[in-house]
Protein backbone atom coordinates (compact mmCIF):
# COMPACT_ATOMS: atom_id res chain seq x y z
CA MET A 1 -11.00 -6.37 -14.46
CA SER A 2 -7.62 -7.70 -13.26
CA ASP A 3 -7.74 -5.54 -10.14
CA MET A 4 -11.27 -6.61 -9.27
CA PRO A 5 -11.52 -8.17 -5.80
CA ARG A 6 -11.96 -11.93 -5.76
CA LEU A 7 -14.63 -13.95 -4.01
CA TRP A 8 -13.99 -17.27 -2.31
CA MET A 9 -16.97 -19.34 -1.17
CA ARG A 10 -15.87 -21.60 1.67
CA GLN A 11 -17.23 -24.92 2.79
CA GLU A 12 -19.42 -24.64 5.87
CA SER A 13 -17.75 -26.13 8.93
CA ARG A 14 -21.08 -27.22 10.44
CA PRO A 15 -21.67 -30.77 9.13
CA ARG A 16 -25.43 -30.38 8.66
CA GLU A 17 -25.30 -27.00 6.95
CA ARG A 18 -26.32 -27.70 3.36
CA ARG A 19 -27.12 -24.17 2.18
CA ALA A 20 -24.93 -22.00 -0.04
CA PRO A 21 -24.75 -18.19 -0.04
CA ILE A 22 -24.21 -18.25 -3.82
CA VAL A 23 -26.07 -20.78 -5.97
CA PRO A 24 -24.65 -21.99 -9.31
CA GLU A 25 -26.96 -19.84 -11.45
CA ASP A 26 -25.85 -16.68 -9.66
CA ALA A 27 -22.22 -17.84 -9.65
CA ALA A 28 -22.48 -17.91 -13.46
CA ARG A 29 -23.75 -14.32 -13.49
CA LEU A 30 -20.84 -13.23 -11.31
CA VAL A 31 -18.33 -14.94 -13.60
CA GLU A 32 -19.99 -13.42 -16.66
CA SER A 33 -19.52 -10.01 -15.03
CA GLY A 34 -15.79 -10.62 -14.76
CA VAL A 35 -15.66 -11.82 -11.16
CA ARG A 36 -13.21 -14.57 -10.27
CA LEU A 37 -14.98 -16.90 -7.88
CA THR A 38 -13.40 -19.85 -6.13
CA VAL A 39 -15.76 -22.47 -4.69
CA GLU A 40 -14.49 -24.97 -2.15
CA GLU A 41 -15.30 -28.64 -2.34
CA SER A 42 -18.05 -29.62 0.09
CA PRO A 43 -19.59 -33.02 0.82
CA GLN A 44 -22.79 -31.57 2.25
CA ARG A 45 -23.65 -28.59 0.05
CA VAL A 46 -27.00 -29.15 -1.67
CA PHE A 47 -25.61 -28.01 -5.04
CA PRO A 48 -23.05 -30.26 -6.80
CA LEU A 49 -19.58 -28.84 -7.32
CA ALA A 50 -19.87 -29.72 -11.01
CA ASP A 51 -22.59 -27.08 -11.38
CA TYR A 52 -20.18 -24.41 -10.15
CA VAL A 53 -17.43 -25.64 -12.46
CA GLU A 54 -19.87 -25.42 -15.37
CA ALA A 55 -20.63 -21.86 -14.27
CA GLY A 56 -16.94 -21.00 -14.70
CA CYS A 57 -15.83 -21.07 -11.07
CA GLU A 58 -12.42 -22.20 -9.88
CA VAL A 59 -12.23 -25.01 -7.34
CA GLY A 60 -10.52 -25.00 -3.96
CA ALA A 61 -10.05 -27.79 -1.47
CA ALA A 62 -12.32 -27.76 1.56
CA GLY A 63 -10.93 -25.34 4.13
CA SER A 64 -8.30 -23.89 1.80
CA TRP A 65 -9.62 -20.34 2.25
CA THR A 66 -7.01 -19.94 4.99
CA GLU A 67 -4.35 -19.92 2.25
CA ALA A 68 -6.19 -17.59 -0.12
CA PRO A 69 -4.12 -14.54 -1.10
CA ASP A 70 -4.84 -11.21 0.53
CA GLY A 71 -7.59 -9.24 -1.16
CA HIS A 72 -10.04 -12.15 -1.30
CA TYR A 73 -13.46 -11.83 0.28
CA ILE A 74 -14.30 -15.11 2.00
CA VAL A 75 -18.03 -15.78 1.68
CA GLY A 76 -19.95 -18.19 3.92
CA LEU A 77 -23.02 -18.47 6.10
CA LYS A 78 -22.41 -19.89 9.55
CA GLU A 79 -19.58 -19.91 12.07
CA LEU A 80 -15.90 -20.18 11.21
CA PRO A 81 -13.75 -23.03 12.50
CA GLU A 82 -11.65 -22.22 15.57
CA LYS A 83 -8.43 -22.08 13.56
CA PRO A 84 -6.64 -20.01 12.42
CA SER A 85 -6.61 -17.85 15.51
CA ASP A 86 -5.75 -14.73 13.48
CA LEU A 87 -8.13 -13.80 10.63
CA ARG A 88 -6.53 -11.69 7.89
CA HIS A 89 -9.23 -11.73 5.20
CA ARG A 90 -12.49 -9.87 4.97
CA HIS A 91 -15.20 -12.40 5.78
CA ILE A 92 -18.83 -12.19 4.68
CA TYR A 93 -21.15 -14.33 6.81
CA PHE A 94 -23.49 -14.25 9.81
CA GLY A 95 -21.02 -13.62 12.62
CA HIS A 96 -23.45 -13.08 15.53
CA ALA A 97 -20.86 -10.97 17.30
CA TYR A 98 -22.44 -7.59 18.07
CA LYS A 99 -25.09 -8.32 20.70
CA GLY A 100 -23.05 -9.87 23.46
CA GLN A 101 -23.44 -13.46 22.25
CA THR A 102 -21.28 -16.20 23.69
CA GLY A 103 -17.87 -16.17 21.96
CA ALA A 104 -18.43 -12.79 20.32
CA ARG A 105 -15.48 -11.07 21.97
CA ALA A 106 -13.10 -13.89 21.07
CA LEU A 107 -14.22 -13.78 17.44
CA LEU A 108 -13.72 -10.04 17.12
CA ASP A 109 -10.29 -10.39 18.71
CA ARG A 110 -9.33 -12.89 16.00
CA PHE A 111 -10.11 -10.31 13.33
CA THR A 112 -8.24 -7.61 15.21
CA ALA A 113 -5.19 -9.84 15.63
CA GLY A 114 -5.05 -10.78 11.95
CA GLY A 115 -6.00 -7.43 10.45
CA GLY A 116 -9.11 -8.81 8.79
CA ALA A 117 -12.70 -7.66 9.06
CA LEU A 118 -16.18 -9.08 9.48
CA LEU A 119 -18.79 -7.88 7.00
CA ASP A 120 -21.74 -9.34 8.84
CA LEU A 121 -24.65 -10.25 6.58
CA GLU A 122 -27.11 -9.45 9.36
CA TYR A 123 -25.99 -5.81 9.10
CA LEU A 124 -26.00 -5.58 5.30
CA THR A 125 -28.81 -3.04 5.12
CA ASP A 126 -30.22 -0.25 2.99
CA ASP A 127 -30.35 3.41 3.99
CA ASP A 128 -33.43 2.76 6.14
CA GLY A 129 -31.90 -0.16 8.01
CA ARG A 130 -33.76 -2.90 6.13
CA ARG A 131 -31.75 -6.05 5.50
CA LEU A 132 -30.80 -6.56 1.86
CA ALA A 133 -30.27 -10.33 1.97
CA ALA A 134 -31.90 -12.62 4.50
CA PHE A 135 -33.14 -16.15 5.07
CA GLY A 136 -35.98 -14.82 7.19
CA TYR A 137 -38.95 -16.05 5.17
CA TRP A 138 -37.78 -19.65 5.11
CA ALA A 139 -36.63 -19.56 8.73
CA GLY A 140 -40.13 -18.52 9.74
CA TYR A 141 -41.74 -21.05 7.44
CA VAL A 142 -39.73 -24.00 8.76
CA GLY A 143 -39.96 -22.88 12.39
CA ALA A 144 -43.74 -22.62 12.33
CA ALA A 145 -44.01 -25.92 10.45
CA LEU A 146 -41.95 -27.71 13.09
CA ALA A 147 -44.06 -26.16 15.86
CA VAL A 148 -47.31 -27.42 14.31
CA LEU A 149 -45.93 -30.88 13.59
CA SER A 150 -44.59 -31.16 17.12
CA ARG A 151 -47.82 -29.92 18.66
CA ARG A 152 -49.82 -32.44 16.61
CA GLY A 153 -47.50 -35.34 17.38
CA ARG A 154 -46.28 -35.59 13.78
CA LEU A 155 -42.66 -34.49 14.10
CA ASP A 156 -40.27 -37.23 13.02
CA THR A 157 -36.75 -37.05 14.44
CA PRO A 158 -33.96 -36.68 13.70
CA LEU A 159 -34.86 -33.94 11.28
CA VAL A 160 -33.66 -34.24 7.69
CA PRO A 161 -33.59 -31.68 4.87
CA LEU A 162 -36.65 -31.68 2.65
CA GLY A 163 -38.14 -29.93 -0.34
CA LYS A 164 -41.03 -27.54 0.22
CA SER A 165 -43.53 -29.90 -1.41
CA GLU A 166 -42.61 -32.63 1.07
CA LEU A 167 -42.89 -30.30 4.05
CA ASP A 168 -46.24 -28.96 2.84
CA ALA A 169 -47.56 -32.49 2.41
CA ALA A 170 -46.60 -33.25 6.03
CA LEU A 171 -48.38 -30.10 7.22
CA ARG A 172 -51.57 -30.97 5.38
CA ALA A 173 -51.46 -34.56 6.61
CA SER A 174 -51.05 -33.34 10.19
CA ARG A 175 -54.59 -31.97 10.19
CA ALA A 176 -55.82 -35.51 10.89
CA PRO A 177 -55.36 -36.93 14.43
CA ALA A 178 -52.06 -38.75 14.95
CA VAL A 179 -52.15 -42.47 15.66
CA THR A 180 -49.00 -42.39 17.77
CA ALA A 181 -46.89 -39.58 19.12
CA PRO A 182 -43.11 -39.10 19.16
CA ALA A 183 -41.41 -39.50 22.51
CA VAL A 184 -40.90 -35.75 22.84
CA THR A 185 -44.61 -35.01 22.65
CA ALA A 186 -47.06 -35.67 25.48
CA ALA A 187 -50.01 -37.87 24.56
CA SER A 188 -52.34 -35.14 25.77
CA VAL A 189 -51.26 -32.81 22.96
CA THR A 190 -51.17 -35.07 19.92
CA ALA A 191 -54.51 -34.08 18.41
CA PRO A 192 -54.84 -31.28 15.83
CA SER A 193 -57.13 -29.41 18.22
CA GLY A 194 -56.24 -27.80 21.54
CA THR A 195 -56.06 -29.74 24.77
CA ASP A 196 -59.56 -28.56 25.75
CA GLY A 197 -61.13 -29.58 22.45
CA GLN A 198 -61.11 -26.04 21.07
CA PRO A 199 -59.50 -25.36 17.67
CA LEU A 200 -55.72 -25.18 17.79
CA SER A 201 -54.57 -21.55 18.01
CA ALA A 202 -51.25 -20.03 17.00
CA LEU A 203 -49.66 -16.61 17.56
CA VAL A 204 -46.87 -15.14 15.42
CA ILE A 205 -44.96 -12.22 16.94
CA GLY A 206 -43.23 -10.13 14.29
CA ALA A 207 -45.84 -11.12 11.73
CA LEU A 208 -45.23 -8.22 9.34
CA GLY A 209 -41.57 -9.04 8.71
CA ARG A 210 -40.14 -11.55 6.25
CA CYS A 211 -39.73 -14.18 8.92
CA GLY A 212 -43.21 -13.57 10.30
CA ARG A 213 -44.78 -13.80 6.85
CA GLY A 214 -43.12 -17.15 6.32
CA ALA A 215 -44.41 -18.41 9.66
CA CYS A 216 -47.95 -17.30 8.87
CA ASP A 217 -47.85 -18.97 5.46
CA ALA A 218 -46.76 -22.28 6.99
CA LEU A 219 -49.48 -22.12 9.62
CA GLU A 220 -52.10 -21.48 6.96
CA THR A 221 -50.80 -24.45 4.98
CA ALA A 222 -51.35 -26.48 8.15
CA GLY A 223 -54.96 -25.30 8.27
CA LEU A 224 -54.56 -22.64 10.99
CA THR A 225 -55.44 -18.95 10.95
CA PRO A 226 -52.68 -17.35 13.03
CA THR A 227 -53.02 -14.35 15.29
CA ARG A 228 -50.59 -11.75 13.95
CA TRP A 229 -48.74 -9.38 16.30
CA ASP A 230 -46.12 -6.83 15.38
CA VAL A 231 -44.76 -3.60 16.87
CA ASP A 232 -48.10 -2.12 17.88
CA GLU A 233 -49.11 -5.23 19.84
CA THR A 234 -45.75 -5.71 21.57
CA GLU A 235 -45.37 -2.14 22.79
CA ASN A 236 -48.01 -2.94 25.41
CA LEU A 237 -47.91 -6.72 25.34
CA ASP A 238 -51.01 -8.55 26.52
CA ARG A 239 -49.34 -11.50 28.24
CA GLU A 240 -52.64 -13.11 29.16
CA ALA A 241 -53.64 -13.15 25.48
CA LEU A 242 -50.24 -14.58 24.55
CA LEU A 243 -50.62 -17.41 27.06
CA ALA A 244 -54.09 -18.19 25.72
CA HIS A 245 -52.66 -19.55 22.45
CA ASP A 246 -51.50 -23.14 21.93
CA ILE A 247 -48.51 -22.27 19.74
CA LEU A 248 -46.18 -19.25 19.85
CA VAL A 249 -43.76 -18.49 17.00
CA ASN A 250 -41.34 -15.68 17.81
CA THR A 251 -39.76 -14.03 14.77
CA VAL A 252 -38.72 -10.71 16.32
CA LEU A 253 -35.11 -9.67 15.75
CA THR A 254 -34.08 -6.75 17.93
CA THR A 255 -30.73 -5.01 18.22
CA GLN A 256 -31.54 -3.35 21.56
CA PRO A 257 -32.73 -4.95 24.81
CA ILE A 258 -36.50 -4.78 25.28
CA PRO A 259 -38.81 -6.26 27.94
CA PRO A 260 -39.13 -10.03 27.43
CA PHE A 261 -42.24 -11.53 25.89
CA LEU A 262 -42.14 -14.50 28.28
CA THR A 263 -40.37 -15.26 31.54
CA PRO A 264 -40.07 -18.55 33.47
CA SER A 265 -42.83 -17.44 35.84
CA ASP A 266 -45.22 -17.16 32.88
CA LEU A 267 -44.76 -20.86 32.20
CA ASP A 268 -46.08 -21.55 35.69
CA ASP A 269 -49.13 -19.33 35.25
CA PRO A 270 -52.24 -21.46 35.92
CA ARG A 271 -54.02 -19.68 33.06
CA ARG A 272 -51.44 -20.85 30.52
CA ARG A 273 -52.79 -22.70 27.50
CA LEU A 274 -49.52 -22.25 25.60
CA SER A 275 -47.75 -25.57 25.07
CA THR A 276 -45.39 -25.18 22.07
CA ILE A 277 -42.95 -22.34 21.50
CA CYS A 278 -40.72 -21.92 18.47
CA ASP A 279 -38.09 -19.23 18.90
CA VAL A 280 -36.98 -18.62 15.32
CA THR A 281 -34.73 -15.76 16.37
CA CYS A 282 -32.60 -17.86 18.76
CA ASP A 283 -31.01 -14.95 20.61
CA VAL A 284 -30.59 -17.23 23.61
CA THR A 285 -27.12 -16.00 24.67
CA SER A 286 -27.75 -12.36 23.76
CA GLN A 287 -28.70 -9.45 25.97
CA CYS A 288 -31.46 -8.87 23.40
CA ASN A 289 -33.16 -12.20 24.11
CA VAL A 290 -36.94 -11.70 24.32
CA LEU A 291 -37.62 -15.28 25.46
CA PRO A 292 -35.34 -15.88 28.48
CA ILE A 293 -37.09 -19.16 29.28
CA TYR A 294 -34.41 -21.55 28.02
CA ASP A 295 -30.61 -21.59 28.09
CA ASP A 296 -29.43 -23.32 24.92
CA VAL A 297 -30.48 -23.97 21.35
CA THR A 298 -31.93 -27.27 20.15
CA ASP A 299 -30.74 -29.20 17.11
CA TRP A 300 -31.82 -31.53 14.33
CA GLY A 301 -31.28 -34.62 16.43
CA HIS A 302 -33.25 -33.26 19.40
CA PRO A 303 -35.34 -30.37 18.04
CA VAL A 304 -37.76 -30.13 20.97
CA ARG A 305 -36.90 -29.49 24.61
CA ARG A 306 -39.43 -29.84 27.40
CA LEU A 307 -39.49 -26.82 29.72
CA ARG A 308 -42.37 -27.91 31.92
CA GLY A 309 -43.75 -31.43 32.40
CA GLY A 310 -46.79 -32.87 34.10
CA ASP A 311 -50.30 -32.60 32.72
CA ARG A 312 -49.64 -29.09 31.31
CA PRO A 313 -46.38 -29.51 29.37
CA VAL A 314 -44.65 -26.78 27.42
CA ASP A 315 -41.95 -27.41 24.81
CA VAL A 316 -39.50 -25.14 23.00
CA ILE A 317 -37.95 -25.44 19.54
CA ALA A 318 -34.89 -23.23 19.07
CA ILE A 319 -32.86 -24.34 16.05
CA ASP A 320 -30.40 -21.74 14.78
CA ASN A 321 -30.18 -22.95 11.17
CA LEU A 322 -33.82 -23.61 10.34
CA PRO A 323 -33.59 -22.64 6.64
CA SER A 324 -31.07 -25.41 6.07
CA LEU A 325 -33.97 -27.87 6.41
CA LEU A 326 -35.16 -26.44 3.07
CA PRO A 327 -31.67 -25.87 1.64
CA GLY A 328 -32.55 -25.55 -2.04
CA GLU A 329 -35.39 -23.04 -1.73
CA ALA A 330 -33.68 -21.05 1.00
CA SER A 331 -30.36 -20.80 -0.85
CA ARG A 332 -31.91 -19.69 -4.13
CA ALA A 333 -33.94 -16.95 -2.47
CA PHE A 334 -30.98 -15.69 -0.44
CA SER A 335 -28.51 -15.82 -3.32
CA ALA A 336 -30.86 -13.81 -5.54
CA GLU A 337 -30.89 -11.03 -2.94
CA LEU A 338 -27.15 -11.19 -2.28
CA LEU A 339 -26.09 -11.19 -5.95
CA PRO A 340 -26.55 -7.44 -6.66
CA GLN A 341 -24.77 -6.62 -3.41
CA LEU A 342 -21.80 -8.79 -4.38
CA LEU A 343 -21.66 -7.11 -7.77
CA ASN A 344 -21.53 -3.75 -5.97
CA LEU A 345 -18.79 -5.06 -3.70
CA VAL A 346 -16.49 -6.27 -6.45
CA SER A 347 -17.00 -3.12 -8.51
CA GLN A 348 -16.81 -0.56 -5.69
CA GLY A 349 -15.11 -2.42 -2.87
CA ASP A 350 -15.91 -1.44 0.70
CA THR A 351 -16.99 2.01 -0.47
CA ALA A 352 -20.29 0.57 -1.73
CA PRO A 353 -22.78 2.09 0.74
CA ALA A 354 -24.22 -1.12 2.19
CA TRP A 355 -20.82 -2.73 2.62
CA ALA A 356 -19.37 0.48 4.04
CA ARG A 357 -22.04 0.34 6.75
CA CYS A 358 -21.07 -3.26 7.49
CA LEU A 359 -17.43 -2.27 7.82
CA ARG A 360 -18.19 0.69 10.10
CA THR A 361 -20.29 -1.56 12.34
CA PHE A 362 -17.41 -4.01 12.62
CA GLU A 363 -14.85 -1.30 13.28
CA ALA A 364 -16.97 0.19 16.07
CA ALA A 365 -17.43 -3.21 17.71
CA ALA A 366 -13.75 -4.07 17.37
CA ARG A 367 -12.72 -0.69 18.78
CA ALA A 368 -15.03 -1.11 21.76
CA GLY A 369 -13.59 -4.56 22.37
CA SER A 370 -10.03 -3.27 22.27
CA GLU A 371 -10.91 -0.63 24.83
CA GLU A 372 -12.49 -3.28 27.08
CA ASN A 373 -9.36 -5.40 26.79
CA ASP A 374 -7.18 -2.41 27.69
CA HIS A 375 -9.28 -1.69 30.78
CA ALA A 376 -9.12 -5.36 31.79
CA ARG A 377 -5.34 -5.17 31.82
């Protein structure tokens, strides 16, 4: 066991990120299996540090992963801080670096310079390409919930983390007409029905995936029966039918460019009924963006952005850490899926099939970046 790789769970650098990739119960199982796990102090993590200590974990100061000895796997969720400029460890988190996103090249160069590697959780997949650990269900659930609450004039801002029971209570309460509407929502769209008095309608694209299932469940909790589209419906997309819904929730994650589902001209279509869009995927800076109708994500302080005003407004919600609004539920579900993969990692190292695929994906991206840099010189 002495030669077993060590895991180091870092504090998230994003102040409002309250999730954890490993929850205390699963940390205890790792320790019981002989894994040495260091957990950094964190003022915002939803789980108390004392619970990790009780599970047998060692404690590190916030941000001390930079001094961790070689051979440690640094485990996190969201983006790394800008320093150090050279990354020498193997990092496990959602890097968002393989689809041309803003900052992707600079991040990969940091790993190349330091001799480290990115084992991107988005690319931790089985033999058939299915993701082995994901926050998709809860991302879809929260995204659809925010869309309904916004559309019904019941979205309180700034957003704060909740438990599922609290969010569900808000969804059920939203079925009644709102007395007043938040500033971000036009008075003409505060009722639970559509602007023309017809029942409120919602469309989920990617409905058969984890994220889509979560979105559909939230909409049903809110009293809606969503239209469900997946691959068959998007191969020959009926844009007129899309625009005929009040709410659109996009949960499609693609790794290759495809024709967009909506363009700016669609928002100006006189037939448009659509007034609220939640882009759960948030591929806004990627060449794989299927909703090129906005240019930046929204956040907890300002979750809704108006794209068109007047008497036919349309709003977008594009928050890139939606599951953190349900940090307890989301973390427990994700950690349960990640646990067996971490056990494979510490017992087999990078030769474990799923992790080997992650490493090959990184190496191909890093190699392509090095060649681009050489040509640029």
